[in-house]
N, C-alpha and C. Protein backbone atom coordinates (compact mmCIF):
# COMPACT_ATOMS: atom_id res chain seq x y z
N MET A 1 86.83 120.13 119.69
CA MET A 1 87.33 118.94 118.35
C MET A 1 87.30 119.99 117.60
N PRO A 2 88.03 119.99 116.09
CA PRO A 2 87.49 120.43 114.91
C PRO A 2 86.65 119.65 114.31
N ILE A 3 86.22 120.71 113.60
CA ILE A 3 85.39 119.73 112.85
C ILE A 3 85.75 119.92 111.18
N THR A 4 85.07 118.99 110.23
CA THR A 4 85.97 118.75 109.10
C THR A 4 84.65 119.33 108.49
N SER A 5 84.95 120.47 107.41
CA SER A 5 84.43 120.58 106.55
C SER A 5 83.23 119.56 105.79
N VAL A 6 82.22 120.48 105.09
CA VAL A 6 81.47 119.78 104.57
C VAL A 6 81.62 118.80 102.82
N GLN A 7 82.47 119.82 102.27
CA GLN A 7 83.23 120.31 100.78
C GLN A 7 84.60 119.18 101.23
N ASP A 8 84.70 119.07 102.24
CA ASP A 8 85.85 117.21 102.66
C ASP A 8 85.34 116.21 102.52
N LEU A 9 84.04 116.43 103.62
CA LEU A 9 83.25 114.93 103.66
C LEU A 9 82.92 114.70 102.86
N ARG A 10 81.87 115.60 101.34
CA ARG A 10 81.68 114.95 100.71
C ARG A 10 83.16 114.58 99.64
N ARG A 11 83.65 115.35 99.30
CA ARG A 11 84.98 114.98 98.43
C ARG A 11 85.44 112.79 99.08
N ILE A 12 85.65 112.64 100.22
CA ILE A 12 85.70 111.49 100.86
C ILE A 12 85.09 110.33 100.75
N VAL A 13 84.00 111.14 101.26
CA VAL A 13 82.73 110.17 100.75
C VAL A 13 82.89 109.64 99.48
N GLU A 14 82.89 110.70 98.01
CA GLU A 14 82.93 110.18 96.62
C GLU A 14 84.23 109.36 96.49
N ALA A 15 85.12 109.67 97.14
CA ALA A 15 86.72 108.71 96.59
C ALA A 15 86.00 106.86 97.67
N VAL A 16 85.39 107.24 98.39
CA VAL A 16 85.21 105.28 99.15
C VAL A 16 83.88 105.16 98.83
N GLY A 17 83.34 105.46 98.16
CA GLY A 17 82.34 105.05 97.22
C GLY A 17 82.36 104.77 96.19
N GLN A 18 83.63 105.33 95.68
CA GLN A 18 83.52 104.18 93.94
C GLN A 18 84.61 102.93 94.24
N LEU A 19 84.82 102.65 95.57
CA LEU A 19 85.68 101.16 96.11
C LEU A 19 84.56 100.14 96.08
N HIS A 20 82.87 100.21 96.14
CA HIS A 20 82.12 99.24 96.16
C HIS A 20 82.11 98.24 94.94
N GLY A 21 82.22 97.26 95.54
CA GLY A 21 82.02 96.10 94.38
C GLY A 21 83.33 96.01 93.53
N ARG A 22 84.67 96.86 94.30
CA ARG A 22 86.12 96.41 94.00
C ARG A 22 86.48 95.48 94.63
N SER A 23 87.56 94.53 94.01
CA SER A 23 88.77 93.31 94.79
C SER A 23 89.60 94.81 95.79
N VAL A 24 90.11 94.32 96.70
CA VAL A 24 91.61 94.73 97.01
C VAL A 24 92.38 93.95 97.19
N GLN A 25 93.89 94.34 96.62
CA GLN A 25 94.51 93.46 96.10
C GLN A 25 96.09 93.49 97.49
N GLU A 26 96.28 94.94 97.75
CA GLU A 26 96.95 95.34 99.25
C GLU A 26 96.74 96.12 99.49
N VAL A 27 97.10 95.87 101.18
CA VAL A 27 96.55 97.16 102.09
C VAL A 27 98.22 97.52 102.80
N GLU A 28 97.85 98.71 102.42
CA GLU A 28 99.98 99.17 103.67
C GLU A 28 99.13 100.21 104.16
N VAL A 29 99.99 100.40 105.31
CA VAL A 29 99.89 101.50 106.24
C VAL A 29 101.37 101.43 106.72
N ARG A 30 101.29 102.69 107.08
CA ARG A 30 103.15 103.32 107.05
C ARG A 30 103.34 103.40 108.25
N SER A 31 104.00 103.03 108.96
CA SER A 31 105.27 102.75 110.09
C SER A 31 104.32 104.07 111.44
N ASP A 32 104.13 105.11 111.27
CA ASP A 32 103.72 105.93 112.04
C ASP A 32 102.65 106.35 112.10
N CYS A 33 101.96 105.26 110.93
CA CYS A 33 100.43 105.30 111.32
C CYS A 33 99.47 106.61 110.85
N ARG A 34 100.22 107.20 109.86
CA ARG A 34 99.60 108.85 109.03
C ARG A 34 98.92 108.45 107.52
N SER A 35 99.54 106.69 106.94
CA SER A 35 98.72 106.77 106.19
C SER A 35 98.38 105.27 105.28
N LEU A 36 97.42 105.25 104.84
CA LEU A 36 96.97 104.22 104.84
C LEU A 36 96.76 104.27 102.64
N ARG A 37 97.14 102.62 102.46
CA ARG A 37 97.74 103.00 101.07
C ARG A 37 96.48 101.46 100.41
N VAL A 38 94.90 101.62 99.89
CA VAL A 38 95.01 100.21 99.54
C VAL A 38 94.62 100.81 97.87
N THR A 39 95.21 98.68 97.27
CA THR A 39 96.15 99.08 95.91
C THR A 39 94.40 97.98 95.56
N LEU A 40 94.05 98.41 94.70
CA LEU A 40 92.61 97.62 94.32
C LEU A 40 93.02 96.58 92.74
N THR A 41 92.47 95.32 92.88
CA THR A 41 93.18 94.65 91.54
C THR A 41 92.76 95.46 90.29
N ASP A 42 92.59 96.13 89.96
CA ASP A 42 91.73 97.19 88.71
C ASP A 42 92.79 98.06 88.64
N GLY A 43 93.87 98.52 89.17
CA GLY A 43 95.20 99.15 89.26
C GLY A 43 95.97 100.74 89.83
N GLN A 44 93.96 101.16 90.31
CA GLN A 44 93.49 102.24 91.31
C GLN A 44 93.77 101.84 93.04
N ILE A 45 94.30 103.20 93.38
CA ILE A 45 94.93 103.54 94.69
C ILE A 45 94.25 104.17 95.32
N LEU A 46 93.45 103.67 96.52
CA LEU A 46 92.42 104.90 97.45
C LEU A 46 93.86 105.46 98.63
N LEU A 47 93.93 106.40 98.81
CA LEU A 47 94.92 106.86 99.58
C LEU A 47 94.20 108.07 100.80
N VAL A 48 94.55 106.81 102.26
CA VAL A 48 94.04 108.03 102.98
C VAL A 48 95.02 108.42 103.99
N SER A 49 94.85 109.80 104.45
CA SER A 49 96.32 110.38 104.79
C SER A 49 95.99 111.24 105.90
N ALA A 50 96.95 111.68 107.15
CA ALA A 50 96.01 112.29 108.55
C ALA A 50 97.66 113.18 108.57
N LEU A 51 97.17 114.73 108.41
CA LEU A 51 97.82 115.75 107.74
C LEU A 51 97.19 116.29 108.94
N VAL A 52 98.62 117.90 108.91
CA VAL A 52 98.36 118.69 109.76
C VAL A 52 98.45 119.97 108.74
N ASP A 53 97.42 120.74 109.26
CA ASP A 53 97.88 122.00 107.90
C ASP A 53 98.60 123.07 108.31
N ASP A 54 98.37 124.63 108.26
CA ASP A 54 99.77 125.22 108.10
C ASP A 54 98.57 125.75 109.93
N ALA A 55 97.53 125.59 110.09
CA ALA A 55 97.06 126.29 111.40
C ALA A 55 97.18 125.33 112.58
N GLY A 56 97.90 124.28 112.03
CA GLY A 56 98.12 122.74 113.02
C GLY A 56 96.81 122.61 113.78
N LYS A 57 95.88 122.44 112.44
CA LYS A 57 94.37 121.73 112.73
C LYS A 57 94.99 120.31 111.89
N PRO A 58 94.15 119.19 112.56
CA PRO A 58 95.10 118.51 111.66
C PRO A 58 93.80 117.77 110.80
N ARG A 59 93.95 116.82 109.76
CA ARG A 59 93.16 116.74 108.11
C ARG A 59 93.07 115.55 107.84
N LEU A 60 91.97 115.38 106.99
CA LEU A 60 92.41 113.81 106.64
C LEU A 60 92.01 114.08 105.11
N ASP A 61 92.90 112.74 104.14
CA ASP A 61 92.99 113.40 103.20
C ASP A 61 92.62 112.14 102.70
N VAL A 62 91.76 112.31 101.83
CA VAL A 62 91.58 110.88 100.94
C VAL A 62 91.73 110.91 99.23
N ASP A 63 92.33 110.17 99.08
CA ASP A 63 92.30 110.13 97.35
C ASP A 63 91.81 109.14 96.53
N LEU A 64 91.67 109.01 95.53
CA LEU A 64 91.37 108.23 94.40
C LEU A 64 92.10 107.84 93.89
N LEU A 65 93.51 107.13 93.52
CA LEU A 65 94.34 107.55 92.48
C LEU A 65 94.25 106.31 90.96
N HIS A 66 94.17 106.61 90.01
CA HIS A 66 93.92 106.40 88.58
C HIS A 66 95.21 105.84 87.73
N PRO A 67 95.20 104.67 87.56
CA PRO A 67 96.45 104.40 87.31
C PRO A 67 96.60 105.00 85.36
N LEU A 68 97.85 105.48 85.46
CA LEU A 68 98.45 106.40 84.35
C LEU A 68 98.01 105.30 83.37
N ALA A 69 97.39 106.43 82.03
CA ALA A 69 96.93 105.59 80.82
C ALA A 69 98.32 105.19 79.70
N GLU A 70 98.48 104.92 79.06
CA GLU A 70 99.86 104.65 77.95
C GLU A 70 99.92 105.76 77.45
N PRO A 71 101.44 105.97 77.25
CA PRO A 71 100.95 107.25 76.10
C PRO A 71 100.82 107.77 74.83
N ALA A 72 100.55 108.73 73.93
CA ALA A 72 99.32 109.02 73.15
C ALA A 72 100.42 108.22 72.23
N PRO A 73 100.33 107.60 70.83
CA PRO A 73 101.07 107.13 69.84
C PRO A 73 102.04 108.34 69.52
N GLY A 74 103.39 108.27 68.62
CA GLY A 74 103.21 109.79 68.33
C GLY A 74 104.54 110.27 68.98
N GLN A 75 104.22 109.73 70.57
CA GLN A 75 104.99 111.07 71.33
C GLN A 75 106.03 111.36 71.18
N LEU A 76 106.57 112.72 71.83
CA LEU A 76 107.81 112.72 71.43
C LEU A 76 109.12 112.62 72.45
N GLU A 77 109.90 111.68 72.16
CA GLU A 77 111.31 111.62 73.00
C GLU A 77 112.29 111.81 72.78
N VAL A 78 112.75 112.24 73.75
CA VAL A 78 114.43 113.25 73.50
C VAL A 78 115.40 112.12 74.01
N ALA A 79 116.70 111.81 73.69
CA ALA A 79 117.24 111.27 74.53
C ALA A 79 118.23 112.43 74.66
N PHE A 80 118.71 112.61 75.83
CA PHE A 80 119.81 113.76 76.09
C PHE A 80 121.03 113.07 76.14
N GLU A 81 122.56 113.39 75.91
CA GLU A 81 124.05 113.38 75.77
C GLU A 81 124.59 112.71 77.21
N GLY A 82 124.57 111.49 77.12
CA GLY A 82 125.53 110.24 77.81
C GLY A 82 124.23 109.07 77.90
N ASP A 83 123.28 109.28 77.25
CA ASP A 83 122.37 108.83 77.45
C ASP A 83 122.58 106.82 76.43
N GLY A 84 123.71 107.19 76.10
CA GLY A 84 124.34 106.06 75.47
C GLY A 84 123.32 105.54 73.90
N GLU A 85 123.07 106.30 73.36
CA GLU A 85 122.44 106.09 71.88
C GLU A 85 122.98 108.11 71.30
């Protein structure tokens, strides 16, 4: 049985620990059950994925994604040809 590294476990615990006291808006599971997506009411997303690394070992990956901030004022916008402007 493969053993997950302590660093990976700490990263997973940190991501899941940030969910304490939060409300869940939606939960989605891929049809092949390789990933779980938990959308929180504040827009954050917890993504849990079962992966296989290059050596063929299974790996559990957990990420807490934060919504993108609004673009900074005065951000440069570039129009491309055929854009209708």
